[in-house]
N, C-alpha and C. Protein backbone atom coordinates (compact mmCIF):
# COMPACT_ATOMS: atom_id res chain seq x y z
N UNK A 1 118.37 -41.59 9.93
CA UNK A 1 117.13 -40.90 9.58
C UNK A 1 116.71 -40.04 10.77
N UNK A 2 116.32 -38.82 10.46
CA UNK A 2 115.90 -37.88 11.49
C UNK A 2 114.56 -37.30 11.09
N UNK A 3 113.67 -37.11 12.06
CA UNK A 3 112.38 -36.50 11.77
C UNK A 3 112.47 -35.02 12.11
N UNK A 4 112.07 -34.18 11.15
CA UNK A 4 112.11 -32.73 11.34
C UNK A 4 110.68 -32.23 11.35
N UNK A 5 110.34 -31.48 12.41
CA UNK A 5 109.00 -30.92 12.57
C UNK A 5 109.06 -29.41 12.43
N UNK A 6 108.04 -28.85 11.78
CA UNK A 6 107.97 -27.41 11.56
C UNK A 6 106.66 -26.90 12.15
N UNK A 7 106.73 -25.79 12.91
CA UNK A 7 105.54 -25.25 13.55
C UNK A 7 105.32 -23.79 13.16
N UNK A 8 104.06 -23.37 13.26
CA UNK A 8 103.63 -21.99 13.04
C UNK A 8 104.07 -21.49 11.66
N UNK A 9 104.66 -20.29 11.60
CA UNK A 9 105.00 -19.73 10.29
C UNK A 9 106.11 -20.49 9.58
N UNK A 10 106.91 -21.26 10.31
CA UNK A 10 107.93 -22.09 9.65
C UNK A 10 107.22 -23.13 8.77
N UNK A 11 106.21 -23.77 9.35
CA UNK A 11 105.42 -24.76 8.60
C UNK A 11 104.72 -24.10 7.41
N UNK A 12 104.19 -22.89 7.61
CA UNK A 12 103.49 -22.20 6.53
C UNK A 12 104.43 -21.89 5.36
N UNK A 13 105.64 -21.47 5.66
CA UNK A 13 106.59 -21.13 4.59
C UNK A 13 107.08 -22.36 3.85
N UNK A 14 107.31 -23.44 4.58
CA UNK A 14 107.82 -24.66 3.95
C UNK A 14 106.69 -25.46 3.29
N UNK A 15 105.51 -25.42 3.90
CA UNK A 15 104.37 -26.12 3.34
C UNK A 15 104.23 -27.55 3.83
N UNK A 16 105.00 -27.92 4.85
CA UNK A 16 104.95 -29.27 5.42
C UNK A 16 104.96 -29.18 6.95
N UNK A 17 104.22 -30.06 7.63
CA UNK A 17 104.30 -30.07 9.09
C UNK A 17 105.51 -30.86 9.59
N UNK A 18 105.96 -31.86 8.78
CA UNK A 18 107.08 -32.71 9.19
C UNK A 18 107.62 -33.46 7.98
N UNK A 19 108.85 -33.93 8.12
CA UNK A 19 109.43 -34.80 7.10
C UNK A 19 110.57 -35.59 7.71
N UNK A 20 110.86 -36.73 7.11
CA UNK A 20 112.00 -37.56 7.54
C UNK A 20 113.13 -37.33 6.56
N UNK A 21 114.32 -37.11 7.12
CA UNK A 21 115.47 -36.78 6.28
C UNK A 21 116.67 -37.65 6.60
N UNK A 22 117.45 -37.93 5.57
CA UNK A 22 118.80 -38.45 5.73
C UNK A 22 119.70 -37.23 5.71
N UNK A 23 120.57 -37.10 6.68
CA UNK A 23 121.42 -35.91 6.73
C UNK A 23 122.83 -36.27 7.15
N UNK A 24 123.77 -35.51 6.65
CA UNK A 24 125.15 -35.65 7.08
C UNK A 24 125.52 -34.58 8.10
N UNK A 25 124.52 -33.78 8.50
CA UNK A 25 124.74 -32.68 9.44
C UNK A 25 125.19 -33.22 10.80
N UNK A 26 126.14 -32.51 11.41
CA UNK A 26 126.59 -32.91 12.74
C UNK A 26 126.02 -32.01 13.84
N UNK A 27 125.54 -30.81 13.46
CA UNK A 27 124.91 -29.91 14.43
C UNK A 27 123.59 -29.40 13.84
N UNK A 28 122.80 -28.76 14.69
CA UNK A 28 121.55 -28.16 14.21
C UNK A 28 121.86 -27.11 13.15
N UNK A 29 122.88 -26.30 13.37
CA UNK A 29 123.24 -25.26 12.38
C UNK A 29 123.59 -25.88 11.03
N UNK A 30 124.28 -27.01 11.03
CA UNK A 30 124.60 -27.71 9.78
C UNK A 30 123.32 -28.16 9.08
N UNK A 31 122.37 -28.67 9.87
CA UNK A 31 121.09 -29.11 9.31
C UNK A 31 120.36 -27.93 8.69
N UNK A 32 120.35 -26.80 9.37
CA UNK A 32 119.72 -25.59 8.83
C UNK A 32 120.37 -25.20 7.51
N UNK A 33 121.69 -25.26 7.44
CA UNK A 33 122.39 -24.95 6.19
C UNK A 33 121.96 -25.89 5.06
N UNK A 34 121.83 -27.19 5.38
CA UNK A 34 121.36 -28.17 4.37
C UNK A 34 119.95 -27.83 3.92
N UNK A 35 119.08 -27.51 4.87
CA UNK A 35 117.69 -27.20 4.53
C UNK A 35 117.60 -25.94 3.68
N UNK A 36 118.33 -24.90 4.07
CA UNK A 36 118.34 -23.64 3.30
C UNK A 36 118.72 -23.87 1.85
N UNK A 37 119.65 -24.78 1.62
CA UNK A 37 120.16 -25.03 0.27
C UNK A 37 119.19 -25.85 -0.58
N UNK A 38 118.18 -26.44 0.03
CA UNK A 38 117.27 -27.33 -0.72
C UNK A 38 116.46 -26.60 -1.77
N UNK A 39 115.78 -25.53 -1.38
CA UNK A 39 114.95 -24.77 -2.30
C UNK A 39 114.52 -23.47 -1.64
N UNK A 40 113.98 -22.53 -2.41
CA UNK A 40 113.67 -21.19 -1.88
C UNK A 40 112.74 -21.17 -0.67
N UNK A 41 111.77 -22.06 -0.60
CA UNK A 41 110.85 -22.02 0.55
C UNK A 41 111.58 -22.33 1.85
N UNK A 42 112.57 -23.21 1.80
CA UNK A 42 113.38 -23.48 3.00
C UNK A 42 114.28 -22.29 3.31
N UNK A 43 114.87 -21.71 2.28
CA UNK A 43 115.72 -20.54 2.47
C UNK A 43 114.92 -19.42 3.14
N UNK A 44 113.66 -19.23 2.73
CA UNK A 44 112.82 -18.20 3.34
C UNK A 44 112.51 -18.53 4.80
N UNK A 45 112.20 -19.78 5.07
CA UNK A 45 111.85 -20.18 6.44
C UNK A 45 113.02 -20.04 7.40
N UNK A 46 114.24 -20.27 6.91
CA UNK A 46 115.42 -20.24 7.77
C UNK A 46 116.32 -19.03 7.50
N UNK A 47 115.75 -17.98 6.92
CA UNK A 47 116.54 -16.79 6.59
C UNK A 47 117.10 -16.12 7.84
N UNK A 48 116.34 -16.14 8.92
CA UNK A 48 116.77 -15.47 10.16
C UNK A 48 116.57 -16.42 11.34
N UNK A 49 117.59 -17.21 11.64
CA UNK A 49 117.42 -18.20 12.71
C UNK A 49 117.34 -17.56 14.09
N UNK A 50 117.68 -16.27 14.20
CA UNK A 50 117.51 -15.61 15.51
C UNK A 50 116.03 -15.49 15.85
N UNK A 51 115.15 -15.67 14.86
CA UNK A 51 113.71 -15.63 15.08
C UNK A 51 113.14 -17.02 15.34
N UNK A 52 114.01 -18.01 15.55
CA UNK A 52 113.56 -19.39 15.74
C UNK A 52 114.11 -20.00 17.02
N UNK A 53 113.38 -20.97 17.51
CA UNK A 53 113.83 -21.84 18.60
C UNK A 53 113.93 -23.24 18.02
N UNK A 54 114.70 -24.09 18.68
CA UNK A 54 114.84 -25.48 18.24
C UNK A 54 114.76 -26.40 19.45
N UNK A 55 114.12 -27.54 19.24
CA UNK A 55 114.06 -28.56 20.27
C UNK A 55 114.58 -29.87 19.68
N UNK A 56 115.41 -30.56 20.45
CA UNK A 56 115.93 -31.87 20.05
C UNK A 56 115.30 -32.91 20.96
N UNK A 57 114.59 -33.87 20.35
CA UNK A 57 113.87 -34.89 21.12
C UNK A 57 113.05 -34.24 22.23
N UNK A 58 112.34 -33.17 21.88
CA UNK A 58 111.39 -32.45 22.73
C UNK A 58 112.04 -31.70 23.89
N UNK A 59 113.33 -31.38 23.77
CA UNK A 59 114.00 -30.57 24.78
C UNK A 59 114.60 -29.35 24.09
N UNK A 60 114.29 -28.16 24.62
CA UNK A 60 114.82 -26.92 24.06
C UNK A 60 116.34 -27.00 23.98
N UNK A 61 116.86 -26.58 22.85
CA UNK A 61 118.29 -26.72 22.62
C UNK A 61 118.82 -25.48 21.91
N UNK A 62 120.07 -25.57 21.44
CA UNK A 62 120.68 -24.46 20.72
C UNK A 62 121.08 -24.92 19.32
N UNK A 63 121.37 -23.95 18.47
CA UNK A 63 121.71 -24.27 17.09
C UNK A 63 123.11 -24.86 16.94
N UNK A 64 123.93 -24.77 17.98
CA UNK A 64 125.25 -25.40 17.90
C UNK A 64 125.26 -26.78 18.56
N UNK A 65 124.09 -27.26 18.96
CA UNK A 65 123.99 -28.58 19.61
C UNK A 65 124.26 -29.70 18.60
N UNK A 66 124.93 -30.77 19.04
CA UNK A 66 125.19 -31.91 18.15
C UNK A 66 123.92 -32.71 17.88
N UNK A 67 123.88 -33.33 16.71
CA UNK A 67 122.73 -34.14 16.31
C UNK A 67 122.93 -35.64 16.57
N UNK A 68 124.10 -36.03 17.04
CA UNK A 68 124.38 -37.46 17.27
C UNK A 68 123.33 -38.05 18.21
N UNK A 69 122.67 -39.10 17.74
CA UNK A 69 121.68 -39.80 18.54
C UNK A 69 120.31 -39.15 18.59
N UNK A 70 120.15 -37.99 17.97
CA UNK A 70 118.87 -37.29 17.99
C UNK A 70 117.92 -37.92 16.97
N UNK A 71 116.68 -38.14 17.38
CA UNK A 71 115.67 -38.71 16.50
C UNK A 71 114.73 -37.66 15.92
N UNK A 72 114.53 -36.55 16.67
CA UNK A 72 113.56 -35.54 16.25
C UNK A 72 114.10 -34.14 16.49
N UNK A 73 113.95 -33.29 15.46
CA UNK A 73 114.32 -31.88 15.55
C UNK A 73 113.06 -31.08 15.24
N UNK A 74 112.73 -30.12 16.11
CA UNK A 74 111.55 -29.29 15.88
C UNK A 74 111.97 -27.82 15.82
N UNK A 75 111.45 -27.12 14.82
CA UNK A 75 111.73 -25.69 14.66
C UNK A 75 110.43 -24.93 14.87
N UNK A 76 110.50 -23.84 15.65
CA UNK A 76 109.29 -23.06 15.95
C UNK A 76 109.70 -21.65 16.38
N UNK A 77 108.77 -20.69 16.22
CA UNK A 77 109.06 -19.34 16.70
C UNK A 77 108.97 -19.31 18.22
N UNK A 78 109.61 -18.32 18.85
CA UNK A 78 109.51 -18.21 20.30
C UNK A 78 108.03 -18.07 20.72
N UNK A 79 107.71 -18.65 21.84
CA UNK A 79 106.34 -18.58 22.34
C UNK A 79 106.11 -17.20 22.98
N UNK A 80 104.91 -16.70 22.81
CA UNK A 80 104.57 -15.43 23.44
C UNK A 80 103.36 -15.63 24.33
N UNK A 81 103.30 -14.89 25.38
CA UNK A 81 102.16 -14.98 26.30
C UNK A 81 100.97 -14.21 25.77
N UNK A 82 99.82 -14.40 26.41
CA UNK A 82 98.69 -13.63 25.93
C UNK A 82 97.42 -13.98 26.58
């Protein structure tokens, strides 16, 4: 079981702040593919992953990172200063 967190416009498009999932994904990219296939709101949220950042267990990571042993995956847009 893995906890997936969604922030900012990702959360708005999906309509959930977080959810717990059973997944067979071995990398973040595999997880994104599974999520995209679930329903249109996920497909919209993950249509352009170049516009997203990912953190695994609260550490910035990459989409090709393995999920083995990971408890939490967070998706969010890049932070901007202001």
